């Protein structure tokens, strides 16, 4: 993934509501039709970075299987960042598509 992409995907995944790490990874993988694989070695540094930047906040809760789990929620600052990053991403995709041009066989 391009640098910063995982952070954007994490923020997008948390936009509807809080989730714990495993659920975040699963949601990204599922919504990408398993194209994107989120490794824990990448996910947790992203979560910590976003929390340090004030984009997300964490709290302890109980998971679906009745275990203690750390949950994350997006903050207002994170919602603003998601909006900005999404616009940048869409602009980048349009630019790359223009450079690639129509598919040729």
PDB file of N, CA and C in Angstrom:
ATOM      1  N   UNK A   1       0.837  -1.184   0.000  1.00  0.00           N
ATOM      2  CA  UNK A   1       0.000   0.000   0.000  1.00  0.00           C
ATOM      3  C   UNK A   1       0.880   1.244   0.000  1.00  0.00           C
ATOM      4  N   UNK A   2       0.370   2.294  -0.610  1.00  0.00           N
ATOM      5  CA  UNK A   2       1.073   3.566  -0.560  1.00  0.00           C
ATOM      6  C   UNK A   2       1.082   4.085   0.870  1.00  0.00           C
ATOM      7  N   UNK A   3       2.152   4.789   1.229  1.00  0.00           N
ATOM      8  CA  UNK A   3       2.248   5.335   2.571  1.00  0.00           C
ATOM      9  C   UNK A   3       1.030   6.206   2.878  1.00  0.00           C
ATOM     10  N   UNK A   4       0.472   6.022   4.047  1.00  0.00           N
ATOM     11  CA  UNK A   4      -0.690   6.792   4.459  1.00  0.00           C
ATOM     12  C   UNK A   4      -2.019   6.158   4.080  1.00  0.00           C
ATOM     13  N   UNK A   5      -1.994   5.202   3.168  1.00  0.00           N
ATOM     14  CA  UNK A   5      -3.238   4.579   2.722  1.00  0.00           C
ATOM     15  C   UNK A   5      -3.903   3.806   3.856  1.00  0.00           C
ATOM     16  N   UNK A   6      -3.120   3.052   4.621  1.00  0.00           N
ATOM     17  CA  UNK A   6      -3.702   2.276   5.709  1.00  0.00           C
ATOM     18  C   UNK A   6      -4.355   3.195   6.736  1.00  0.00           C
ATOM     19  N   UNK A   7      -3.719   4.314   7.056  1.00  0.00           N
ATOM     20  CA  UNK A   7      -4.310   5.251   8.005  1.00  0.00           C
ATOM     21  C   UNK A   7      -5.678   5.721   7.507  1.00  0.00           C
ATOM     22  N   UNK A   8      -5.761   6.047   6.217  1.00  0.00           N
ATOM     23  CA  UNK A   8      -7.018   6.506   5.632  1.00  0.00           C
ATOM     24  C   UNK A   8      -8.075   5.399   5.716  1.00  0.00           C
ATOM     25  N   UNK A   9      -7.693   4.170   5.426  1.00  0.00           N
ATOM     26  CA  UNK A   9      -8.634   3.050   5.472  1.00  0.00           C
ATOM     27  C   UNK A   9      -9.104   2.774   6.899  1.00  0.00           C
ATOM     28  N   UNK A  10      -8.210   2.928   7.858  1.00  0.00           N
ATOM     29  CA  UNK A  10      -8.593   2.747   9.263  1.00  0.00           C
ATOM     30  C   UNK A  10      -9.618   3.812   9.650  1.00  0.00           C
ATOM     31  N   UNK A  11      -9.348   5.065   9.300  1.00  0.00           N
ATOM     32  CA  UNK A  11     -10.294   6.137   9.620  1.00  0.00           C
ATOM     33  C   UNK A  11     -11.649   5.870   8.969  1.00  0.00           C
ATOM     34  N   UNK A  12     -11.652   5.441   7.721  1.00  0.00           N
ATOM     35  CA  UNK A  12     -12.901   5.146   7.012  1.00  0.00           C
ATOM     36  C   UNK A  12     -13.653   4.009   7.710  1.00  0.00           C
ATOM     37  N   UNK A  13     -12.921   2.999   8.141  1.00  0.00           N
ATOM     38  CA  UNK A  13     -13.536   1.852   8.803  1.00  0.00           C
ATOM     39  C   UNK A  13     -14.153   2.247  10.134  1.00  0.00           C
ATOM     40  N   UNK A  14     -13.547   3.204  10.819  1.00  0.00           N
ATOM     41  CA  UNK A  14     -14.063   3.641  12.116  1.00  0.00           C
ATOM     42  C   UNK A  14     -15.153   4.702  12.003  1.00  0.00           C
ATOM     43  N   UNK A  15     -15.370   5.256  10.816  1.00  0.00           N
ATOM     44  CA  UNK A  15     -16.370   6.319  10.648  1.00  0.00           C
ATOM     45  C   UNK A  15     -17.773   5.899  11.116  1.00  0.00           C
ATOM     46  N   UNK A  16     -18.234   4.670  10.826  1.00  0.00           N
ATOM     47  CA  UNK A  16     -19.581   4.286  11.279  1.00  0.00           C
ATOM     48  C   UNK A  16     -19.687   4.045  12.787  1.00  0.00           C
ATOM     49  N   UNK A  17     -18.555   3.714  13.437  1.00  0.00           N
ATOM     50  CA  UNK A  17     -18.599   3.454  14.869  1.00  0.00           C
ATOM     51  C   UNK A  17     -17.347   2.762  15.354  1.00  0.00           C
ATOM     52  N   UNK A  18     -17.198   2.631  16.673  1.00  0.00           N
ATOM     53  CA  UNK A  18     -16.000   2.021  17.260  1.00  0.00           C
ATOM     54  C   UNK A  18     -15.813   0.563  16.853  1.00  0.00           C
ATOM     55  N   UNK A  19     -14.547   0.143  16.862  1.00  0.00           N
ATOM     56  CA  UNK A  19     -14.212  -1.251  16.556  1.00  0.00           C
ATOM     57  C   UNK A  19     -12.861  -1.570  17.186  1.00  0.00           C
ATOM     58  N   UNK A  20     -12.605  -2.849  17.403  1.00  0.00           N
ATOM     59  CA  UNK A  20     -11.293  -3.255  17.896  1.00  0.00           C
ATOM     60  C   UNK A  20     -10.429  -3.676  16.711  1.00  0.00           C
ATOM     61  N   UNK A  21      -9.150  -3.865  16.960  1.00  0.00           N
ATOM     62  CA  UNK A  21      -8.180  -4.109  15.894  1.00  0.00           C
ATOM     63  C   UNK A  21      -8.541  -5.225  14.934  1.00  0.00           C
ATOM     64  N   UNK A  22      -8.915  -6.366  15.472  1.00  0.00           N
ATOM     65  CA  UNK A  22      -9.249  -7.504  14.606  1.00  0.00           C
ATOM     66  C   UNK A  22     -10.416  -7.164  13.687  1.00  0.00           C
ATOM     67  N   UNK A  23     -11.413  -6.499  14.219  1.00  0.00           N
ATOM     68  CA  UNK A  23     -12.578  -6.117  13.414  1.00  0.00           C
ATOM     69  C   UNK A  23     -12.196  -5.113  12.329  1.00  0.00           C
ATOM     70  N   UNK A  24     -11.308  -4.178  12.653  1.00  0.00           N
ATOM     71  CA  UNK A  24     -10.849  -3.193  11.668  1.00  0.00           C
ATOM     72  C   UNK A  24     -10.163  -3.902  10.512  1.00  0.00           C
ATOM     73  N   UNK A  25      -9.227  -4.803  10.822  1.00  0.00           N
ATOM     74  CA  UNK A  25      -8.509  -5.539   9.781  1.00  0.00           C
ATOM     75  C   UNK A  25      -9.479  -6.348   8.924  1.00  0.00           C
ATOM     76  N   UNK A  26     -10.395  -7.056   9.566  1.00  0.00           N
ATOM     77  CA  UNK A  26     -11.361  -7.881   8.857  1.00  0.00           C
ATOM     78  C   UNK A  26     -12.250  -7.032   7.950  1.00  0.00           C
ATOM     79  N   UNK A  27     -12.687  -5.887   8.442  1.00  0.00           N
ATOM     80  CA  UNK A  27     -13.569  -5.014   7.650  1.00  0.00           C
ATOM     81  C   UNK A  27     -12.859  -4.500   6.399  1.00  0.00           C
ATOM     82  N   UNK A  28     -11.599  -4.121   6.532  1.00  0.00           N
ATOM     83  CA  UNK A  28     -10.840  -3.640   5.371  1.00  0.00           C
ATOM     84  C   UNK A  28     -10.666  -4.773   4.360  1.00  0.00           C
ATOM     85  N   UNK A  29     -10.303  -5.937   4.843  1.00  0.00           N
ATOM     86  CA  UNK A  29     -10.113  -7.087   3.948  1.00  0.00           C
ATOM     87  C   UNK A  29     -11.422  -7.453   3.257  1.00  0.00           C
ATOM     88  N   UNK A  30     -12.499  -7.531   4.014  1.00  0.00           N
ATOM     89  CA  UNK A  30     -13.799  -7.925   3.460  1.00  0.00           C
ATOM     90  C   UNK A  30     -14.300  -6.905   2.442  1.00  0.00           C
ATOM     91  N   UNK A  31     -14.195  -5.619   2.767  1.00  0.00           N
ATOM     92  CA  UNK A  31     -14.722  -4.598   1.857  1.00  0.00           C
ATOM     93  C   UNK A  31     -13.872  -4.439   0.605  1.00  0.00           C
ATOM     94  N   UNK A  32     -12.648  -4.964   0.624  1.00  0.00           N
ATOM     95  CA  UNK A  32     -11.797  -4.920  -0.581  1.00  0.00           C
ATOM     96  C   UNK A  32     -11.858  -6.237  -1.346  1.00  0.00           C
ATOM     97  N   UNK A  33     -12.817  -7.082  -1.023  1.00  0.00           N
ATOM     98  CA  UNK A  33     -12.922  -8.424  -1.624  1.00  0.00           C
ATOM     99  C   UNK A  33     -11.623  -9.209  -1.452  1.00  0.00           C
ATOM    100  N   UNK A  34     -11.015  -9.053  -0.283  1.00  0.00           N
ATOM    101  CA  UNK A  34      -9.801  -9.768   0.118  1.00  0.00           C
ATOM    102  C   UNK A  34      -8.555  -9.362  -0.687  1.00  0.00           C
ATOM    103  N   UNK A  35      -8.642  -8.297  -1.464  1.00  0.00           N
ATOM    104  CA  UNK A  35      -7.464  -7.819  -2.206  1.00  0.00           C
ATOM    105  C   UNK A  35      -6.458  -7.219  -1.239  1.00  0.00           C
ATOM    106  N   UNK A  36      -6.951  -6.449  -0.286  1.00  0.00           N
ATOM    107  CA  UNK A  36      -6.080  -5.830   0.711  1.00  0.00           C
ATOM    108  C   UNK A  36      -5.997  -6.739   1.925  1.00  0.00           C
ATOM    109  N   UNK A  37      -4.781  -7.097   2.305  1.00  0.00           N
ATOM    110  CA  UNK A  37      -4.553  -7.911   3.489  1.00  0.00           C
ATOM    111  C   UNK A  37      -3.879  -7.031   4.528  1.00  0.00           C
ATOM    112  N   UNK A  38      -4.479  -6.927   5.700  1.00  0.00           N
ATOM    113  CA  UNK A  38      -3.966  -6.051   6.747  1.00  0.00           C
ATOM    114  C   UNK A  38      -3.228  -6.890   7.781  1.00  0.00           C
ATOM    115  N   UNK A  39      -1.926  -6.723   7.827  1.00  0.00           N
ATOM    116  CA  UNK A  39      -1.100  -7.448   8.790  1.00  0.00           C
ATOM    117  C   UNK A  39      -1.111  -6.708  10.120  1.00  0.00           C
ATOM    118  N   UNK A  40      -1.091  -7.458  11.207  1.00  0.00           N
ATOM    119  CA  UNK A  40      -1.089  -6.841  12.533  1.00  0.00           C
ATOM    120  C   UNK A  40       0.159  -5.984  12.737  1.00  0.00           C
ATOM    121  N   UNK A  41       1.269  -6.368  12.098  1.00  0.00           N
ATOM    122  CA  UNK A  41       2.503  -5.599  12.192  1.00  0.00           C
ATOM    123  C   UNK A  41       2.401  -4.238  11.533  1.00  0.00           C
ATOM    124  N   UNK A  42       1.404  -4.032  10.698  1.00  0.00           N
ATOM    125  CA  UNK A  42       1.151  -2.729  10.084  1.00  0.00           C
ATOM    126  C   UNK A  42      -0.021  -2.021  10.758  1.00  0.00           C
ATOM    127  N   UNK A  43      -1.036  -2.795  11.137  1.00  0.00           N
ATOM    128  CA  UNK A  43      -2.253  -2.203  11.694  1.00  0.00           C
ATOM    129  C   UNK A  43      -1.999  -1.496  13.018  1.00  0.00           C
ATOM    130  N   UNK A  44      -1.350  -2.169  13.947  1.00  0.00           N
ATOM    131  CA  UNK A  44      -1.203  -1.579  15.275  1.00  0.00           C
ATOM    132  C   UNK A  44      -0.302  -0.348  15.289  1.00  0.00           C
ATOM    133  N   UNK A  45       0.788  -0.308  14.526  1.00  0.00           N
ATOM    134  CA  UNK A  45       1.525   0.964  14.432  1.00  0.00           C
ATOM    135  C   UNK A  45       0.660   2.086  13.852  1.00  0.00           C
ATOM    136  N   UNK A  46      -0.202   1.762  12.891  1.00  0.00           N
ATOM    137  CA  UNK A  46      -1.110   2.761  12.323  1.00  0.00           C
ATOM    138  C   UNK A  46      -2.076   3.257  13.388  1.00  0.00           C
ATOM    139  N   UNK A  47      -2.660   2.347  14.152  1.00  0.00           N
ATOM    140  CA  UNK A  47      -3.587   2.734  15.221  1.00  0.00           C
ATOM    141  C   UNK A  47      -2.897   3.619  16.256  1.00  0.00           C
ATOM    142  N   UNK A  48      -1.681   3.250  16.649  1.00  0.00           N
ATOM    143  CA  UNK A  48      -0.946   4.052  17.634  1.00  0.00           C
ATOM    144  C   UNK A  48      -0.600   5.433  17.080  1.00  0.00           C
ATOM    145  N   UNK A  49      -0.194   5.486  15.827  1.00  0.00           N
ATOM    146  CA  UNK A  49       0.139   6.766  15.185  1.00  0.00           C
ATOM    147  C   UNK A  49      -1.095   7.666  15.128  1.00  0.00           C
ATOM    148  N   UNK A  50      -2.227   7.101  14.692  1.00  0.00           N
ATOM    149  CA  UNK A  50      -3.460   7.877  14.607  1.00  0.00           C
ATOM    150  C   UNK A  50      -3.915   8.358  15.981  1.00  0.00           C
ATOM    151  N   UNK A  51      -3.732   7.520  16.987  1.00  0.00           N
ATOM    152  CA  UNK A  51      -4.108   7.931  18.334  1.00  0.00           C
ATOM    153  C   UNK A  51      -3.180   9.045  18.833  1.00  0.00           C
ATOM    154  N   UNK A  52      -1.887   8.913  18.583  1.00  0.00           N
ATOM    155  CA  UNK A  52      -0.933   9.953  18.984  1.00  0.00           C
ATOM    156  C   UNK A  52      -1.246  11.292  18.313  1.00  0.00           C
ATOM    157  N   UNK A  53      -1.777  11.242  17.095  1.00  0.00           N
ATOM    158  CA  UNK A  53      -2.109  12.454  16.345  1.00  0.00           C
ATOM    159  C   UNK A  53      -3.495  13.004  16.700  1.00  0.00           C
ATOM    160  N   UNK A  54      -4.221  12.293  17.550  1.00  0.00           N
ATOM    161  CA  UNK A  54      -5.554  12.741  17.950  1.00  0.00           C
ATOM    162  C   UNK A  54      -6.640  12.442  16.924  1.00  0.00           C
ATOM    163  N   UNK A  55      -6.344  11.568  15.964  1.00  0.00           N
ATOM    164  CA  UNK A  55      -7.324  11.220  14.930  1.00  0.00           C
ATOM    165  C   UNK A  55      -8.321  10.175  15.420  1.00  0.00           C
ATOM    166  N   UNK A  56      -7.868   9.335  16.356  1.00  0.00           N
ATOM    167  CA  UNK A  56      -8.723   8.322  16.959  1.00  0.00           C
ATOM    168  C   UNK A  56      -8.480   8.331  18.472  1.00  0.00           C
ATOM    169  N   UNK A  57      -9.400   7.763  19.198  1.00  0.00           N
ATOM    170  CA  UNK A  57      -9.261   7.596  20.646  1.00  0.00           C
ATOM    171  C   UNK A  57      -9.581   6.143  20.973  1.00  0.00           C
ATOM    172  N   UNK A  58      -8.971   5.631  22.029  1.00  0.00           N
ATOM    173  CA  UNK A  58      -9.197   4.232  22.397  1.00  0.00           C
ATOM    174  C   UNK A  58      -9.867   4.131  23.759  1.00  0.00           C
ATOM    175  N   UNK A  59     -10.508   2.998  23.966  1.00  0.00           N
ATOM    176  CA  UNK A  59     -11.122   2.687  25.254  1.00  0.00           C
ATOM    177  C   UNK A  59     -11.223   1.171  25.362  1.00  0.00           C
ATOM    178  N   UNK A  60     -11.311   0.678  26.585  1.00  0.00           N
ATOM    179  CA  UNK A  60     -11.423  -0.763  26.803  1.00  0.00           C
ATOM    180  C   UNK A  60     -12.887  -1.184  26.837  1.00  0.00           C
ATOM    181  N   UNK A  61     -13.161  -2.314  26.224  1.00  0.00           N
ATOM    182  CA  UNK A  61     -14.505  -2.859  26.206  1.00  0.00           C
ATOM    183  C   UNK A  61     -14.450  -4.376  26.149  1.00  0.00           C
ATOM    184  N   UNK A  62     -15.588  -4.985  25.944  1.00  0.00           N
ATOM    185  CA  UNK A  62     -15.684  -6.440  25.859  1.00  0.00           C
ATOM    186  C   UNK A  62     -16.018  -6.818  24.422  1.00  0.00           C
ATOM    187  N   UNK A  63     -15.239  -7.740  23.867  1.00  0.00           N
ATOM    188  CA  UNK A  63     -15.427  -8.153  22.477  1.00  0.00           C
ATOM    189  C   UNK A  63     -16.610  -9.115  22.345  1.00  0.00           C
ATOM    190  N   UNK A  64     -16.893  -9.479  21.097  1.00  0.00           N
ATOM    191  CA  UNK A  64     -18.006 -10.389  20.804  1.00  0.00           C
ATOM    192  C   UNK A  64     -17.853 -11.732  21.503  1.00  0.00           C
ATOM    193  N   UNK A  65     -16.600 -12.168  21.719  1.00  0.00           N
ATOM    194  CA  UNK A  65     -16.376 -13.456  22.378  1.00  0.00           C
ATOM    195  C   UNK A  65     -16.105 -13.275  23.880  1.00  0.00           C
ATOM    196  N   UNK A  66     -16.597 -12.151  24.422  1.00  0.00           N
ATOM    197  CA  UNK A  66     -16.569 -11.888  25.858  1.00  0.00           C
ATOM    198  C   UNK A  66     -15.160 -11.728  26.424  1.00  0.00           C
ATOM    199  N   UNK A  67     -14.245 -11.189  25.629  1.00  0.00           N
ATOM    200  CA  UNK A  67     -12.883 -10.928  26.089  1.00  0.00           C
ATOM    201  C   UNK A  67     -12.648  -9.426  26.146  1.00  0.00           C
ATOM    202  N   UNK A  68     -11.748  -9.029  27.014  1.00  0.00           N
ATOM    203  CA  UNK A  68     -11.385  -7.624  27.116  1.00  0.00           C
ATOM    204  C   UNK A  68     -10.641  -7.231  25.835  1.00  0.00           C
ATOM    205  N   UNK A  69     -11.043  -6.122  25.237  1.00  0.00           N
ATOM    206  CA  UNK A  69     -10.428  -5.684  23.982  1.00  0.00           C
ATOM    207  C   UNK A  69     -10.339  -4.166  23.964  1.00  0.00           C
ATOM    208  N   UNK A  70      -9.312  -3.675  23.283  1.00  0.00           N
ATOM    209  CA  UNK A  70      -9.151  -2.239  23.121  1.00  0.00           C
ATOM    210  C   UNK A  70      -9.909  -1.816  21.865  1.00  0.00           C
ATOM    211  N   UNK A  71     -10.827  -0.895  22.030  1.00  0.00           N
ATOM    212  CA  UNK A  71     -11.633  -0.382  20.928  1.00  0.00           C
ATOM    213  C   UNK A  71     -11.126   0.997  20.536  1.00  0.00           C
ATOM    214  N   UNK A  72     -11.369   1.339  19.286  1.00  0.00           N
ATOM    215  CA  UNK A  72     -10.956   2.636  18.761  1.00  0.00           C
ATOM    216  C   UNK A  72     -12.165   3.322  18.149  1.00  0.00           C
ATOM    217  N   UNK A  73     -12.213   4.648  18.280  1.00  0.00           N
ATOM    218  CA  UNK A  73     -13.269   5.439  17.656  1.00  0.00           C
ATOM    219  C   UNK A  73     -12.616   6.633  16.980  1.00  0.00           C
ATOM    220  N   UNK A  74     -13.225   7.098  15.914  1.00  0.00           N
ATOM    221  CA  UNK A  74     -12.709   8.260  15.198  1.00  0.00           C
ATOM    222  C   UNK A  74     -13.105   9.518  15.958  1.00  0.00           C
ATOM    223  N   UNK A  75     -12.228  10.505  15.966  1.00  0.00           N
ATOM    224  CA  UNK A  75     -12.495  11.784  16.627  1.00  0.00           C
ATOM    225  C   UNK A  75     -12.930  12.804  15.568  1.00  0.00           C
ATOM    226  N   UNK A  76     -13.446  13.940  15.987  1.00  0.00           N
ATOM    227  CA  UNK A  76     -13.769  14.991  15.002  1.00  0.00           C
ATOM    228  C   UNK A  76     -12.560  15.379  14.149  1.00  0.00           C
ATOM    229  N   UNK A  77     -11.391  15.432  14.768  1.00  0.00           N
ATOM    230  CA  UNK A  77     -10.167  15.732  14.016  1.00  0.00           C
ATOM    231  C   UNK A  77      -9.904  14.640  12.967  1.00  0.00           C
ATOM    232  N   UNK A  78     -10.168  13.389  13.334  1.00  0.00           N
ATOM    233  CA  UNK A  78      -9.994  12.277  12.409  1.00  0.00           C
ATOM    234  C   UNK A  78     -10.971  12.330  11.252  1.00  0.00           C
ATOM    235  N   UNK A  79     -12.200  12.773  11.534  1.00  0.00           N
ATOM    236  CA  UNK A  79     -13.202  12.903  10.467  1.00  0.00           C
ATOM    237  C   UNK A  79     -12.759  13.958   9.455  1.00  0.00           C
ATOM    238  N   UNK A  80     -12.186  15.051   9.949  1.00  0.00           N
ATOM    239  CA  UNK A  80     -11.677  16.084   9.047  1.00  0.00           C
ATOM    240  C   UNK A  80     -10.524  15.565   8.204  1.00  0.00           C
ATOM    241  N   UNK A  81      -9.633  14.815   8.828  1.00  0.00           N
ATOM    242  CA  UNK A  81      -8.491  14.243   8.105  1.00  0.00           C
ATOM    243  C   UNK A  81      -8.963  13.244   7.061  1.00  0.00           C
ATOM    244  N   UNK A  82      -9.955  12.435   7.408  1.00  0.00           N
ATOM    245  CA  UNK A  82     -10.493  11.463   6.450  1.00  0.00           C
ATOM    246  C   UNK A  82     -11.036  12.182   5.226  1.00  0.00           C
ATOM    247  N   UNK A  83     -11.767  13.233   5.430  1.00  0.00           N
ATOM    248  CA  UNK A  83     -12.327  13.993   4.314  1.00  0.00           C
ATOM    249  C   UNK A  83     -11.225  14.542   3.413  1.00  0.00           C
ATOM    250  N   UNK A  84     -10.194  15.109   4.024  1.00  0.00           N
ATOM    251  CA  UNK A  84      -9.067  15.659   3.259  1.00  0.00           C
ATOM    252  C   UNK A  84      -8.327  14.568   2.496  1.00  0.00           C
ATOM    253  N   UNK A  85      -8.025  13.464   3.177  1.00  0.00           N
ATOM    254  CA  UNK A  85      -7.278  12.375   2.553  1.00  0.00           C
ATOM    255  C   UNK A  85      -8.080  11.703   1.441  1.00  0.00           C
ATOM    256  N   UNK A  86      -9.376  11.600   1.636  1.00  0.00           N
ATOM    257  CA  UNK A  86     -10.218  10.996   0.608  1.00  0.00           C
ATOM    258  C   UNK A  86     -10.202  11.853  -0.658  1.00  0.00           C
ATOM    259  N   UNK A  87     -10.281  13.161  -0.506  1.00  0.00           N
ATOM    260  CA  UNK A  87     -10.219  14.064  -1.666  1.00  0.00           C
ATOM    261  C   UNK A  87      -8.881  13.937  -2.378  1.00  0.00           C
ATOM    262  N   UNK A  88      -7.803  13.886  -1.604  1.00  0.00           N
ATOM    263  CA  UNK A  88      -6.463  13.727  -2.206  1.00  0.00           C
ATOM    264  C   UNK A  88      -6.362  12.395  -2.950  1.00  0.00           C
ATOM    265  N   UNK A  89      -6.883  11.341  -2.329  1.00  0.00           N
ATOM    266  CA  UNK A  89      -6.830  10.011  -2.947  1.00  0.00           C
ATOM    267  C   UNK A  89      -7.598  10.000  -4.262  1.00  0.00           C
ATOM    268  N   UNK A  90      -8.796  10.562  -4.267  1.00  0.00           N
ATOM    269  CA  UNK A  90      -9.608  10.589  -5.488  1.00  0.00           C
ATOM    270  C   UNK A  90      -8.914  11.390  -6.582  1.00  0.00           C
ATOM    271  N   UNK A  91      -8.250  12.465  -6.220  1.00  0.00           N
ATOM    272  CA  UNK A  91      -7.497  13.262  -7.183  1.00  0.00           C
ATOM    273  C   UNK A  91      -6.322  12.461  -7.746  1.00  0.00           C
ATOM    274  N   UNK A  92      -5.630  11.732  -6.887  1.00  0.00           N
ATOM    275  CA  UNK A  92      -4.507  10.895  -7.315  1.00  0.00           C
ATOM    276  C   UNK A  92      -4.975   9.811  -8.278  1.00  0.00           C
ATOM    277  N   UNK A  93      -6.077   9.158  -7.956  1.00  0.00           N
ATOM    278  CA  UNK A  93      -6.612   8.102  -8.817  1.00  0.00           C
ATOM    279  C   UNK A  93      -6.980   8.659 -10.192  1.00  0.00           C
ATOM    280  N   UNK A  94      -7.614   9.816 -10.217  1.00  0.00           N
ATOM    281  CA  UNK A  94      -7.962  10.441 -11.509  1.00  0.00           C
ATOM    282  C   UNK A  94      -6.704  10.754 -12.318  1.00  0.00           C
ATOM    283  N   UNK A  95      -5.671  11.260 -11.656  1.00  0.00           N
ATOM    284  CA  UNK A  95      -4.432  11.611 -12.349  1.00  0.00           C
ATOM    285  C   UNK A  95      -3.743  10.372 -12.919  1.00  0.00           C
ATOM    286  N   UNK A  96      -3.658   9.319 -12.143  1.00  0.00           N
ATOM    287  CA  UNK A  96      -3.026   8.082 -12.616  1.00  0.00           C
ATOM    288  C   UNK A  96      -3.827   7.496 -13.774  1.00  0.00           C
ATOM    289  N   UNK A  97      -5.143   7.545 -13.669  1.00  0.00           N
ATOM    290  CA  UNK A  97      -5.998   7.034 -14.743  1.00  0.00           C
ATOM    291  C   UNK A  97      -5.773   7.813 -16.031  1.00  0.00           C
ATOM    292  N   UNK A  98      -5.602   9.126 -15.923  1.00  0.00           N
ATOM    293  CA  UNK A  98      -5.322   9.942 -17.114  1.00  0.00           C
ATOM    294  C   UNK A  98      -3.991   9.551 -17.740  1.00  0.00           C
ATOM    295  N   UNK A  99      -2.992   9.320 -16.918  1.00  0.00           N
ATOM    296  CA  UNK A  99      -1.670   8.950 -17.437  1.00  0.00           C
ATOM    297  C   UNK A  99      -1.720   7.577 -18.089  1.00  0.00           C
ATOM    298  N   UNK A 100      -2.401   6.636 -17.474  1.00  0.00           N
ATOM    299  CA  UNK A 100      -2.494   5.280 -18.041  1.00  0.00           C
ATOM    300  C   UNK A 100      -3.291   5.261 -19.334  1.00  0.00           C
ATOM    301  N   UNK A 101      -4.284   6.128 -19.440  1.00  0.00           N
ATOM    302  CA  UNK A 101      -5.113   6.163 -20.641  1.00  0.00           C
ATOM    303  C   UNK A 101      -5.975   4.923 -20.754  1.00  0.00           C
ATOM    304  N   UNK A 102      -6.627   4.774 -21.909  1.00  0.00           N
ATOM    305  CA  UNK A 102      -7.495   3.605 -22.088  1.00  0.00           C
ATOM    306  C   UNK A 102      -6.665   2.316 -22.149  1.00  0.00           C
ATOM    307  N   UNK A 103      -7.292   1.253 -21.686  1.00  0.00           N
ATOM    308  CA  UNK A 103      -6.635  -0.055 -21.715  1.00  0.00           C
ATOM    309  C   UNK A 103      -6.424  -0.502 -23.165  1.00  0.00           C
ATOM    310  N   UNK A 104      -5.253  -1.017 -23.441  1.00  0.00           N
ATOM    311  CA  UNK A 104      -4.957  -1.555 -24.780  1.00  0.00           C
ATOM    312  C   UNK A 104      -4.627  -3.026 -24.648  1.00  0.00           C
ATOM    313  N   UNK A 105      -4.907  -3.747 -25.699  1.00  0.00           N
ATOM    314  CA  UNK A 105      -4.666  -5.195 -25.648  1.00  0.00           C
ATOM    315  C   UNK A 105      -3.470  -5.567 -26.464  1.00  0.00           C
TER     316      UNK A 105
END
